């Protein structure tokens, strides 16, 4: 009888330890938030556009590519979180009020 009780206790302990370990793994897992992804996408596209203009010129193929990428990133953010990050102002916008030509003013 003692052996059976000991085995049941060990089984219960193993089950509880497994459930606890699973809970710790699930709560400790990093979460991807749409707003974090938005900000990263927009910062990257904005910096690459600025870099392309500096290196290749305002009307370059590279600058046009990054203008397109910035526009796409803004659209993605708006569609996923209904807000977008303005890297130049360092703030979120909750209106779809971006200007596809906002970088025109930076270089003229």
C-alpha atoms as a PDB file:
ATOM      1  CA  UNK A   1       0.000   0.000   0.000  1.00  0.00           C
ATOM      2  CA  UNK A   2       2.785   2.427   0.765  1.00  0.00           C
ATOM      3  CA  UNK A   3       4.336   1.727  -2.636  1.00  0.00           C
ATOM      4  CA  UNK A   4       1.089   2.534  -4.463  1.00  0.00           C
ATOM      5  CA  UNK A   5       0.644   5.805  -2.542  1.00  0.00           C
ATOM      6  CA  UNK A   6       4.247   6.750  -3.254  1.00  0.00           C
ATOM      7  CA  UNK A   7       3.781   6.082  -6.987  1.00  0.00           C
ATOM      8  CA  UNK A   8       0.574   8.124  -7.106  1.00  0.00           C
ATOM      9  CA  UNK A   9       2.302  10.984  -5.316  1.00  0.00           C
ATOM     10  CA  UNK A  10       5.158  10.854  -7.807  1.00  0.00           C
ATOM     11  CA  UNK A  11       2.729  10.866 -10.750  1.00  0.00           C
ATOM     12  CA  UNK A  12       0.851  13.831  -9.292  1.00  0.00           C
ATOM     13  CA  UNK A  13       4.091  15.683  -8.680  1.00  0.00           C
ATOM     14  CA  UNK A  14       5.263  15.018 -12.270  1.00  0.00           C
ATOM     15  CA  UNK A  15       1.946  16.236 -13.697  1.00  0.00           C
ATOM     16  CA  UNK A  16       1.985  19.377 -11.571  1.00  0.00           C
ATOM     17  CA  UNK A  17       5.623  20.110 -12.466  1.00  0.00           C
ATOM     18  CA  UNK A  18       4.881  19.651 -16.174  1.00  0.00           C
ATOM     19  CA  UNK A  19       1.897  21.993 -16.005  1.00  0.00           C
ATOM     20  CA  UNK A  20       3.880  24.583 -14.073  1.00  0.00           C
ATOM     21  CA  UNK A  21       6.781  24.416 -16.541  1.00  0.00           C
ATOM     22  CA  UNK A  22       4.370  24.778 -19.477  1.00  0.00           C
ATOM     23  CA  UNK A  23       2.753  27.795 -17.863  1.00  0.00           C
ATOM     24  CA  UNK A  24       6.119  29.438 -17.272  1.00  0.00           C
ATOM     25  CA  UNK A  25       7.131  28.856 -20.882  1.00  0.00           C
ATOM     26  CA  UNK A  26       3.896  30.284 -22.242  1.00  0.00           C
ATOM     27  CA  UNK A  27       3.913  33.401 -20.083  1.00  0.00           C
ATOM     28  CA  UNK A  28       7.606  34.027 -20.650  1.00  0.00           C
ATOM     29  CA  UNK A  29       7.382  33.768 -24.430  1.00  0.00           C
ATOM     30  CA  UNK A  30       7.949  37.073 -26.237  1.00  0.00           C
ATOM     31  CA  UNK A  31       4.851  38.532 -27.796  1.00  0.00           C
ATOM     32  CA  UNK A  32       4.812  40.273 -31.131  1.00  0.00           C
ATOM     33  CA  UNK A  33       2.560  43.296 -31.113  1.00  0.00           C
ATOM     34  CA  UNK A  34       1.350  44.925 -34.311  1.00  0.00           C
ATOM     35  CA  UNK A  35       2.336  48.370 -33.022  1.00  0.00           C
ATOM     36  CA  UNK A  36       5.916  47.228 -32.348  1.00  0.00           C
ATOM     37  CA  UNK A  37       6.128  45.742 -35.819  1.00  0.00           C
ATOM     38  CA  UNK A  38       4.623  48.920 -37.276  1.00  0.00           C
ATOM     39  CA  UNK A  39       7.139  51.135 -35.594  1.00  0.00           C
ATOM     40  CA  UNK A  40      10.055  48.951 -36.694  1.00  0.00           C
ATOM     41  CA  UNK A  41       8.838  48.836 -40.288  1.00  0.00           C
ATOM     42  CA  UNK A  42       8.280  52.580 -40.450  1.00  0.00           C
ATOM     43  CA  UNK A  43      11.567  53.521 -38.798  1.00  0.00           C
ATOM     44  CA  UNK A  44      13.452  51.231 -41.170  1.00  0.00           C
ATOM     45  CA  UNK A  45      11.734  52.520 -44.323  1.00  0.00           C
ATOM     46  CA  UNK A  46      12.090  56.142 -43.213  1.00  0.00           C
ATOM     47  CA  UNK A  47      15.804  55.783 -42.491  1.00  0.00           C
ATOM     48  CA  UNK A  48      16.429  53.938 -45.734  1.00  0.00           C
ATOM     49  CA  UNK A  49      14.618  56.653 -47.685  1.00  0.00           C
ATOM     50  CA  UNK A  50      16.731  59.344 -46.045  1.00  0.00           C
ATOM     51  CA  UNK A  51      19.861  57.315 -46.741  1.00  0.00           C
ATOM     52  CA  UNK A  52      18.924  56.694 -50.384  1.00  0.00           C
ATOM     53  CA  UNK A  53      18.307  60.409 -50.961  1.00  0.00           C
ATOM     54  CA  UNK A  54      21.672  61.293 -49.395  1.00  0.00           C
ATOM     55  CA  UNK A  55      23.617  58.668 -51.330  1.00  0.00           C
ATOM     56  CA  UNK A  56      21.843  58.534 -54.673  1.00  0.00           C
ATOM     57  CA  UNK A  57      19.820  61.723 -54.965  1.00  0.00           C
ATOM     58  CA  UNK A  58      16.248  62.758 -54.462  1.00  0.00           C
ATOM     59  CA  UNK A  59      15.014  61.475 -57.850  1.00  0.00           C
ATOM     60  CA  UNK A  60      17.011  58.227 -57.782  1.00  0.00           C
ATOM     61  CA  UNK A  61      15.600  54.771 -58.343  1.00  0.00           C
ATOM     62  CA  UNK A  62      16.690  53.860 -54.795  1.00  0.00           C
ATOM     63  CA  UNK A  63      14.810  56.812 -53.269  1.00  0.00           C
ATOM     64  CA  UNK A  64      11.690  55.923 -55.250  1.00  0.00           C
ATOM     65  CA  UNK A  65      11.948  52.345 -53.967  1.00  0.00           C
ATOM     66  CA  UNK A  66      12.096  53.468 -50.335  1.00  0.00           C
ATOM     67  CA  UNK A  67       9.269  55.974 -50.838  1.00  0.00           C
ATOM     68  CA  UNK A  68       7.184  53.047 -52.005  1.00  0.00           C
ATOM     69  CA  UNK A  69       8.298  50.935 -49.013  1.00  0.00           C
ATOM     70  CA  UNK A  70       7.434  53.755 -46.593  1.00  0.00           C
ATOM     71  CA  UNK A  71       3.986  54.122 -48.169  1.00  0.00           C
ATOM     72  CA  UNK A  72       3.442  50.359 -47.896  1.00  0.00           C
ATOM     73  CA  UNK A  73       4.566  50.327 -44.253  1.00  0.00           C
ATOM     74  CA  UNK A  74       2.173  53.156 -43.406  1.00  0.00           C
ATOM     75  CA  UNK A  75      -0.683  51.313 -45.090  1.00  0.00           C
ATOM     76  CA  UNK A  76       0.214  48.081 -43.273  1.00  0.00           C
ATOM     77  CA  UNK A  77       0.233  49.842 -39.912  1.00  0.00           C
ATOM     78  CA  UNK A  78      -3.038  51.564 -40.584  1.00  0.00           C
ATOM     79  CA  UNK A  79      -4.675  48.302 -41.629  1.00  0.00           C
ATOM     80  CA  UNK A  80      -3.327  46.400 -38.590  1.00  0.00           C
ATOM     81  CA  UNK A  81      -3.432  48.945 -35.759  1.00  0.00           C
ATOM     82  CA  UNK A  82      -5.253  52.020 -37.056  1.00  0.00           C
ATOM     83  CA  UNK A  83      -2.268  54.170 -36.249  1.00  0.00           C
ATOM     84  CA  UNK A  84       1.151  54.862 -37.699  1.00  0.00           C
ATOM     85  CA  UNK A  85       4.501  56.072 -36.383  1.00  0.00           C
ATOM     86  CA  UNK A  86       6.008  59.331 -37.601  1.00  0.00           C
ATOM     87  CA  UNK A  87       9.754  58.951 -37.184  1.00  0.00           C
ATOM     88  CA  UNK A  88      10.499  62.638 -37.771  1.00  0.00           C
ATOM     89  CA  UNK A  89       8.056  63.749 -35.072  1.00  0.00           C
ATOM     90  CA  UNK A  90       8.694  60.693 -32.853  1.00  0.00           C
ATOM     91  CA  UNK A  91       5.019  60.149 -32.213  1.00  0.00           C
ATOM     92  CA  UNK A  92       2.081  57.961 -33.144  1.00  0.00           C
ATOM     93  CA  UNK A  93      -0.740  59.282 -35.317  1.00  0.00           C
ATOM     94  CA  UNK A  94      -4.228  57.888 -34.895  1.00  0.00           C
ATOM     95  CA  UNK A  95      -5.511  59.551 -38.070  1.00  0.00           C
ATOM     96  CA  UNK A  96      -4.744  58.413 -41.605  1.00  0.00           C
ATOM     97  CA  UNK A  97      -3.145  61.798 -42.173  1.00  0.00           C
ATOM     98  CA  UNK A  98       0.238  60.955 -43.630  1.00  0.00           C
ATOM     99  CA  UNK A  99       1.516  62.750 -46.684  1.00  0.00           C
ATOM    100  CA  UNK A 100       3.290  60.633 -49.284  1.00  0.00           C
ATOM    101  CA  UNK A 101       5.297  63.747 -50.141  1.00  0.00           C
ATOM    102  CA  UNK A 102       6.340  64.621 -46.578  1.00  0.00           C
ATOM    103  CA  UNK A 103       9.968  63.894 -47.393  1.00  0.00           C
ATOM    104  CA  UNK A 104       9.846  66.359 -50.283  1.00  0.00           C
ATOM    105  CA  UNK A 105      10.022  69.220 -47.807  1.00  0.00           C
ATOM    106  CA  UNK A 106      13.103  67.733 -46.127  1.00  0.00           C
ATOM    107  CA  UNK A 107      15.232  67.954 -49.243  1.00  0.00           C
ATOM    108  CA  UNK A 108      14.148  71.103 -51.058  1.00  0.00           C
END
